Amino acid sequence: MVQNVHGTFISEKINKIRWRPDPFNDSHSFITGSWDNDQNNIKLWNFEKGEDDADIYPFVIQNYEFEGDVTEAKFINSDYCVVSSSLGSVYYLKITNTLTGDVQITNEKLWSNIHKFKNQDPSLCTSFTVYENDVVTAGEDGRVNVLNLQNKDVLRTIEEADSCSLNCITFVKHSEVLTGNSRGQMKIFDLRVKGNQPTNSFMLSGDQIAATCLAYHPNQRHMVVAGDEDGSLTVWDLRQNSFPVNLLSAHSESVSEIQFHPDHPDQMFSCSFSGELWHWITNKPGSHGGKLLNVSEMESNSWLSTESIKNKFEVFMLMPKLHKAINSIDLSRDRVLCGCDNEAIYLINKVNIYS
């Protein structure tokens, strides 16, 4: 199902793309974070509509030069965002309108080189997660750092949270985070507990397949979907994590990012290194339905095969498969943005969101 797709060539690879929040949930502004440039950047964009709705042109409002590759970006609100780098640093950026009508991006706080290896070489800050003013970062160095946006110092460091690269992290409660590493181990850390040991751990699958991304259900944070380097999606109920709820054979290559629709959490979006962008639906009129993450409706055997869940999901391709990785997606109502390695950004407009 190919939607209303608007592609724009921008001459750089995009690793993260995020809608700027709007009080009326109708944002026309977004940021991109580049990678693999001699000089990377955070750019703030807006859309200009032509006379025909088919003509939509993004244009740059402001450019902020950035050291290293952008590895993650999240808005706190419409004026502030947090961005992490491949050099192990985390930035707290502010977007302001000047008296002359211009827009400025300034650095409010910098936690410099908080991820580094034992020889002091910089380590990628691979991921971070936000809960109100708290930010918890994960790195290639296996370290977890706890930050607060009101404090310039690192509040806590779990030096050896893992012996290999941590690829993804998400809050499951205000006091607990879930991490995924390059060997497929998932670990839950209680931030109230001293020491480096997790309170719980389990394997993503039977093999040592790296976890690449995590997303929690908007209404049920104990329900988490993990993407892996083989392209599969695994659904977990963290209240009973001996086995996954669902194991979905999905993309043909590594899953880059997963997002639930914030207003319609029975619908999910995923993208991959194989250049695929998919829309997962469980409540489409006329379909067999089924709850995406309702454990009580699942069979007694938690390891459900792909065949047994075919009638519970409908998956739609939002645009033709690209020949380069789609690294990042973001949602706003019925619009999806994606950033890619083919040096283009795409807006998919008027996506069919079934309610």
Protein backbone atom coordinates (compact mmCIF):
# COMPACT_ATOMS: atom_id res chain seq x y z
CA MET A 1 0.00 0.00 0.00
CA VAL A 2 2.06 2.94 -1.26
CA GLN A 3 1.01 6.21 0.37
CA ASN A 4 1.42 9.86 -0.55
CA VAL A 5 5.24 9.96 -0.47
CA HIS A 6 7.30 13.15 -0.80
CA GLY A 7 11.06 12.60 -1.10
CA THR A 8 13.72 15.33 -0.87
CA PHE A 9 17.41 14.85 -1.68
CA ILE A 10 19.52 16.69 0.93
CA SER A 11 23.09 15.52 0.13
CA GLU A 12 23.80 13.89 3.51
CA LYS A 13 22.98 10.69 5.36
CA ILE A 14 20.41 11.07 8.13
CA ASN A 15 20.66 8.95 11.26
CA LYS A 16 17.80 10.53 13.27
CA ILE A 17 14.68 12.47 12.34
CA ARG A 18 12.13 13.86 14.82
CA TRP A 19 8.99 15.95 14.59
CA ARG A 20 9.13 19.10 16.72
CA PRO A 21 6.21 18.86 19.18
CA ASP A 22 3.31 21.22 18.57
CA PRO A 23 0.71 22.22 21.21
CA PHE A 24 -2.05 21.45 18.73
CA ASN A 25 -0.46 18.17 17.57
CA ASP A 26 -0.13 19.54 14.06
CA SER A 27 3.60 20.01 13.68
CA HIS A 28 5.11 21.25 10.43
CA SER A 29 8.63 21.47 11.82
CA PHE A 30 11.22 18.74 12.44
CA ILE A 31 14.92 18.14 13.06
CA THR A 32 17.41 15.86 11.35
CA GLY A 33 20.73 14.60 12.67
CA SER A 34 23.42 13.61 10.17
CA TRP A 35 26.19 11.05 10.25
CA ASP A 36 29.25 10.15 8.14
CA ASN A 37 30.03 13.80 7.33
CA ASP A 38 33.30 15.62 7.93
CA GLN A 39 31.10 18.14 9.73
CA ASN A 40 27.83 16.75 11.03
CA ASN A 41 24.86 18.82 12.06
CA ILE A 42 21.44 19.15 13.60
CA LYS A 43 19.10 20.92 11.18
CA LEU A 44 15.70 22.40 11.93
CA TRP A 45 13.30 22.18 8.99
CA ASN A 46 9.85 23.42 8.06
CA PHE A 47 7.47 22.54 5.25
CA GLU A 48 6.32 24.75 2.44
CA LYS A 49 3.21 23.63 0.61
CA GLY A 50 2.71 24.33 -3.05
CA GLU A 51 -0.62 25.06 -4.64
CA ASP A 52 -1.09 21.36 -5.17
CA ASP A 53 -0.98 19.14 -2.06
CA ALA A 54 1.31 16.86 -4.04
CA ASP A 55 4.03 19.52 -3.81
CA ILE A 56 5.54 19.72 -0.32
CA TYR A 57 9.02 21.15 0.07
CA PRO A 58 11.01 21.06 3.32
CA PHE A 59 13.44 23.92 3.84
CA VAL A 60 16.13 24.51 6.47
CA ILE A 61 15.38 27.09 9.17
CA GLN A 62 18.57 26.68 11.17
CA ASN A 63 21.76 24.60 11.15
CA TYR A 64 23.67 23.62 14.30
CA GLU A 65 27.14 22.16 13.75
CA PHE A 66 27.63 18.93 15.69
CA GLU A 67 30.77 17.05 16.72
CA GLY A 68 30.69 13.38 15.72
CA ASP A 69 27.77 11.44 14.28
CA VAL A 70 24.29 12.01 15.69
CA THR A 71 23.31 8.72 17.33
CA GLU A 72 19.98 9.65 18.97
CA ALA A 73 17.67 12.66 19.32
CA LYS A 74 14.52 13.20 21.39
CA PHE A 75 12.43 16.29 22.03
CA ILE A 76 11.57 17.12 25.65
CA ASN A 77 9.07 19.74 24.48
CA SER A 78 8.81 22.13 21.55
CA ASP A 79 11.75 24.23 22.81
CA TYR A 80 14.23 21.63 24.06
CA CYS A 81 15.74 18.43 22.73
CA VAL A 82 18.46 15.98 23.81
CA VAL A 83 21.00 14.68 21.28
CA SER A 84 23.79 12.11 21.67
CA SER A 85 26.99 11.67 19.69
CA SER A 86 29.38 9.00 18.49
CA LEU A 87 32.07 10.73 20.59
CA GLY A 88 30.29 9.73 23.79
CA SER A 89 28.75 13.12 24.59
CA VAL A 90 25.16 14.23 25.25
CA TYR A 91 23.80 17.69 24.40
CA TYR A 92 20.75 19.54 25.76
CA LEU A 93 19.76 21.94 22.98
CA LYS A 94 17.35 24.87 23.06
CA ILE A 95 15.40 26.22 20.08
CA THR A 96 14.39 29.86 20.46
CA ASN A 97 12.83 32.58 18.33
CA THR A 98 14.76 35.86 18.38
CA LEU A 99 13.24 39.34 18.41
CA THR A 100 14.14 39.68 14.74
CA GLY A 101 12.08 36.60 13.87
CA ASP A 102 15.04 34.30 13.36
CA VAL A 103 15.39 30.88 14.99
CA GLN A 104 18.46 29.93 17.02
CA ILE A 105 19.69 26.56 18.28
CA THR A 106 21.91 26.88 21.35
CA ASN A 107 23.59 24.39 23.65
CA GLU A 108 22.16 24.65 27.18
CA LYS A 109 24.16 21.78 28.69
CA LEU A 110 26.86 19.39 27.55
CA TRP A 111 27.81 16.14 29.25
CA SER A 112 31.13 15.63 27.49
CA ASN A 113 32.78 12.23 26.88
CA ILE A 114 30.62 10.38 29.41
CA HIS A 115 31.07 7.21 27.35
CA LYS A 116 34.66 6.08 26.84
CA PHE A 117 36.69 2.89 26.82
CA LYS A 118 39.25 1.93 29.47
CA ASN A 119 42.05 3.37 27.32
CA GLN A 120 40.09 6.68 27.36
CA ASP A 121 39.20 6.52 23.67
CA PRO A 122 35.71 7.90 23.04
CA SER A 123 32.87 5.38 22.84
CA LEU A 124 29.60 5.79 20.98
CA CYS A 125 26.67 6.86 23.09
CA THR A 126 24.46 4.38 21.24
CA SER A 127 21.12 5.25 22.82
CA PHE A 128 19.35 7.11 25.61
CA THR A 129 15.91 7.17 27.17
CA VAL A 130 13.96 10.05 28.75
CA TYR A 131 11.46 10.12 31.62
CA GLU A 132 10.41 13.68 32.51
CA ASN A 133 13.73 15.40 33.40
CA ASP A 134 15.73 12.20 33.77
CA VAL A 135 17.92 10.89 30.96
CA VAL A 136 19.69 7.51 31.06
CA THR A 137 22.31 6.79 28.41
CA ALA A 138 23.85 3.56 27.10
CA GLY A 139 27.11 3.15 25.24
CA GLU A 140 29.34 0.91 23.21
CA ASP A 141 31.56 0.84 26.32
CA GLY A 142 28.88 -1.13 28.23
CA ARG A 143 28.33 1.81 30.57
CA VAL A 144 25.04 3.34 31.75
CA ASN A 145 24.89 6.99 32.86
CA VAL A 146 22.06 8.67 34.76
CA LEU A 147 21.57 12.39 34.00
CA ASN A 148 19.08 15.04 35.02
CA LEU A 149 18.35 17.99 32.76
CA GLN A 150 18.57 20.38 35.72
CA ASN A 151 22.03 19.18 36.73
CA LYS A 152 25.30 19.64 34.85
CA ASP A 153 26.91 16.60 36.52
CA VAL A 154 26.40 12.90 35.87
CA LEU A 155 24.27 11.70 38.79
CA ARG A 156 25.32 8.07 38.60
CA THR A 157 27.40 5.77 36.42
CA ILE A 158 27.04 2.00 36.22
CA GLU A 159 30.59 1.38 35.01
CA GLU A 160 30.22 -2.23 33.92
CA ALA A 161 26.54 -2.60 33.23
CA ASP A 162 27.57 -4.92 30.41
CA SER A 163 30.74 -6.56 29.11
CA CYS A 164 29.86 -5.78 25.48
CA SER A 165 28.20 -2.96 23.57
CA LEU A 166 24.82 -1.75 24.80
CA ASN A 167 22.80 -0.95 21.68
CA CYS A 168 19.47 0.24 23.10
CA ILE A 169 17.83 1.35 26.33
CA THR A 170 14.36 2.38 27.48
CA PHE A 171 12.61 3.30 30.71
CA VAL A 172 10.07 0.72 31.87
CA LYS A 173 9.38 2.59 35.13
CA HIS A 174 10.74 5.83 36.51
CA SER A 175 13.21 3.77 38.56
CA GLU A 176 13.91 0.96 36.04
CA VAL A 177 15.52 0.76 32.61
CA LEU A 178 15.75 -2.10 30.12
CA THR A 179 18.89 -2.52 28.02
CA GLY A 180 19.72 -4.69 25.01
CA ASN A 181 23.26 -5.67 24.02
CA SER A 182 25.12 -6.98 20.98
CA ARG A 183 24.86 -10.59 22.23
CA GLY A 184 21.08 -10.49 22.53
CA GLN A 185 20.99 -10.18 26.32
CA MET A 186 18.24 -8.02 27.81
CA LYS A 187 18.83 -6.63 31.31
CA ILE A 188 16.65 -4.66 33.71
CA PHE A 189 18.43 -2.26 36.08
CA ASP A 190 16.76 -0.77 39.13
CA LEU A 191 18.34 2.69 39.43
CA ARG A 192 17.58 2.76 43.16
CA VAL A 193 19.85 -0.24 43.78
CA LYS A 194 23.58 0.30 44.25
CA GLY A 195 26.05 -1.76 42.27
CA ASN A 196 26.42 -2.91 38.69
CA GLN A 197 24.20 -5.98 38.71
CA PRO A 198 20.85 -6.09 36.91
CA THR A 199 17.74 -7.11 38.83
CA ASN A 200 16.67 -9.34 35.94
CA SER A 201 18.06 -10.60 32.65
CA PHE A 202 16.90 -12.77 29.76
CA MET A 203 17.83 -13.61 26.17
CA LEU A 204 16.21 -11.91 23.19
CA SER A 205 16.08 -15.25 21.37
CA GLY A 206 17.74 -18.66 21.40
CA ASP A 207 20.76 -17.38 19.47
CA GLN A 208 23.16 -14.55 20.26
CA ILE A 209 21.46 -12.08 17.95
CA ALA A 210 22.09 -8.41 18.76
CA ALA A 211 19.21 -6.28 19.98
CA THR A 212 19.08 -3.08 17.92
CA CYS A 213 16.10 -1.07 19.17
CA LEU A 214 13.33 -1.03 21.78
CA ALA A 215 9.85 0.46 22.00
CA TYR A 216 7.27 0.20 24.78
CA HIS A 217 3.50 0.13 24.40
CA PRO A 218 2.12 3.66 25.11
CA ASN A 219 -0.59 2.37 27.46
CA GLN A 220 1.24 -0.62 28.94
CA ARG A 221 4.91 0.11 29.58
CA HIS A 222 5.54 -3.48 30.67
CA MET A 223 4.89 -4.50 27.06
CA VAL A 224 8.07 -4.03 25.02
CA VAL A 225 8.93 -4.76 21.39
CA ALA A 226 12.60 -5.39 20.55
CA GLY A 227 14.11 -5.31 17.07
CA ASP A 228 17.22 -7.33 16.24
CA GLU A 229 20.01 -7.49 13.69
CA ASP A 230 18.30 -10.35 11.80
CA GLY A 231 15.22 -8.20 11.14
CA SER A 232 12.89 -9.90 13.63
CA LEU A 233 10.58 -8.26 16.18
CA THR A 234 10.14 -9.86 19.60
CA VAL A 235 7.28 -8.87 21.91
CA TRP A 236 7.87 -9.19 25.67
CA ASP A 237 5.65 -8.88 28.70
CA LEU A 238 8.16 -7.86 31.37
CA ARG A 239 5.87 -9.19 34.11
CA GLN A 240 6.58 -12.72 32.83
CA ASN A 241 9.72 -12.60 30.75
CA SER A 242 10.66 -16.30 30.69
CA PHE A 243 9.45 -16.42 27.09
CA PRO A 244 8.38 -13.75 24.61
CA VAL A 245 4.72 -13.19 23.84
CA ASN A 246 5.31 -13.02 20.08
CA LEU A 247 8.23 -13.60 17.76
CA LEU A 248 7.69 -11.98 14.37
CA SER A 249 9.79 -12.63 11.29
CA ALA A 250 9.80 -9.15 9.86
CA HIS A 251 12.47 -7.35 7.82
CA SER A 252 15.19 -8.96 5.76
CA GLU A 253 17.94 -6.98 7.56
CA SER A 254 18.55 -5.28 10.90
CA VAL A 255 15.63 -3.33 12.43
CA SER A 256 16.59 0.33 12.78
CA GLU A 257 13.68 1.73 14.74
CA ILE A 258 10.21 0.82 16.06
CA GLN A 259 7.47 3.25 17.05
CA PHE A 260 3.93 2.79 18.26
CA HIS A 261 1.39 5.34 17.15
CA PRO A 262 0.90 7.44 20.32
CA ASP A 263 -2.88 7.82 19.82
CA HIS A 264 -3.56 4.39 18.29
CA PRO A 265 -1.25 1.97 20.15
CA ASP A 266 -2.63 -1.07 18.32
CA GLN A 267 -0.69 0.24 15.30
CA MET A 268 3.07 0.14 15.02
CA PHE A 269 5.71 1.26 12.53
CA SER A 270 9.14 -0.21 11.83
CA CYS A 271 12.04 0.48 9.48
CA SER A 272 15.20 -1.42 8.58
CA PHE A 273 18.64 -1.45 7.03
CA SER A 274 17.04 -3.22 4.07
CA GLY A 275 15.25 0.04 3.14
CA GLU A 276 11.78 -1.10 4.26
CA LEU A 277 9.19 1.00 6.08
CA TRP A 278 6.22 -0.97 7.41
CA HIS A 279 2.92 -0.18 9.09
CA TRP A 280 1.63 -2.93 11.41
CA ILE A 281 -2.14 -2.94 12.01
CA THR A 282 -4.29 -5.17 14.22
CA ASN A 283 -7.67 -3.43 14.13
CA LYS A 284 -8.24 -2.79 10.42
CA PRO A 285 -11.98 -3.03 9.62
CA GLY A 286 -12.77 -6.39 8.07
CA SER A 287 -9.61 -8.03 9.41
CA HIS A 288 -9.52 -10.76 12.00
CA GLY A 289 -8.41 -8.16 14.53
CA GLY A 290 -6.71 -9.38 17.66
CA LYS A 291 -4.87 -7.36 20.25
CA LEU A 292 -1.26 -6.73 19.44
CA LEU A 293 -0.07 -7.13 23.00
CA ASN A 294 -2.91 -8.71 24.96
CA VAL A 295 -1.31 -11.66 26.74
CA SER A 296 -4.61 -13.14 27.94
CA GLU A 297 -5.67 -13.88 24.37
CA MET A 298 -2.49 -15.73 23.45
CA GLU A 299 -2.12 -19.49 23.37
CA SER A 300 -0.63 -21.26 26.38
CA ASN A 301 2.62 -21.76 24.47
CA SER A 302 4.23 -18.31 24.47
CA TRP A 303 6.51 -19.15 21.54
CA LEU A 304 3.98 -18.44 18.81
CA SER A 305 5.00 -19.33 15.29
CA THR A 306 4.62 -16.88 12.44
CA GLU A 307 1.83 -19.04 10.99
CA SER A 308 -0.28 -18.82 14.16
CA ILE A 309 -0.38 -15.02 14.17
CA LYS A 310 -0.93 -14.30 10.49
CA ASN A 311 -4.58 -13.53 11.16
CA LYS A 312 -3.72 -11.11 13.95
CA PHE A 313 -1.58 -8.68 11.94
CA GLU A 314 -1.76 -6.87 8.66
CA VAL A 315 1.47 -5.30 7.51
CA PHE A 316 1.57 -2.59 4.85
CA MET A 317 4.53 -1.15 3.00
CA LEU A 318 4.41 2.64 3.28
CA MET A 319 6.67 3.28 0.30
CA PRO A 320 8.69 1.30 -2.23
CA LYS A 321 11.72 -0.47 -0.81
CA LEU A 322 14.88 1.64 -0.98
CA HIS A 323 18.36 0.40 -1.82
CA LYS A 324 19.85 2.00 1.31
CA ALA A 325 19.11 1.81 5.03
CA ILE A 326 16.19 3.68 6.57
CA ASN A 327 17.71 4.69 9.89
CA SER A 328 14.95 6.60 11.61
CA ILE A 329 11.20 7.24 11.61
CA ASP A 330 8.86 9.55 13.52
CA LEU A 331 5.08 9.96 13.65
CA SER A 332 2.72 12.91 13.90
CA ARG A 333 -0.98 12.12 13.52
CA ASP A 334 -1.27 10.65 9.99
CA ARG A 335 2.20 11.71 8.83
CA VAL A 336 5.43 9.71 8.96
CA LEU A 337 8.94 11.08 8.48
CA CYS A 338 11.94 8.92 7.69
CA GLY A 339 15.65 9.59 7.30
CA CYS A 340 17.86 7.41 5.13
CA ASP A 341 21.36 6.57 3.95
CA ASN A 342 20.46 7.46 0.36
CA GLU A 343 20.91 11.13 1.37
CA ALA A 344 17.18 11.84 1.27
CA ILE A 345 14.35 12.45 3.70
CA TYR A 346 10.77 11.36 3.09
CA LEU A 347 7.37 12.54 4.28
CA ILE A 348 4.57 10.01 3.98
CA ASN A 349 1.37 12.04 4.15
CA LYS A 350 -2.18 10.91 4.94
CA VAL A 351 -1.23 7.47 6.25
CA ASN A 352 -4.33 5.34 6.84
CA ILE A 353 -4.64 5.25 10.63
CA TYR A 354 -7.51 2.89 11.44
CA SER A 355 -9.45 3.75 14.59
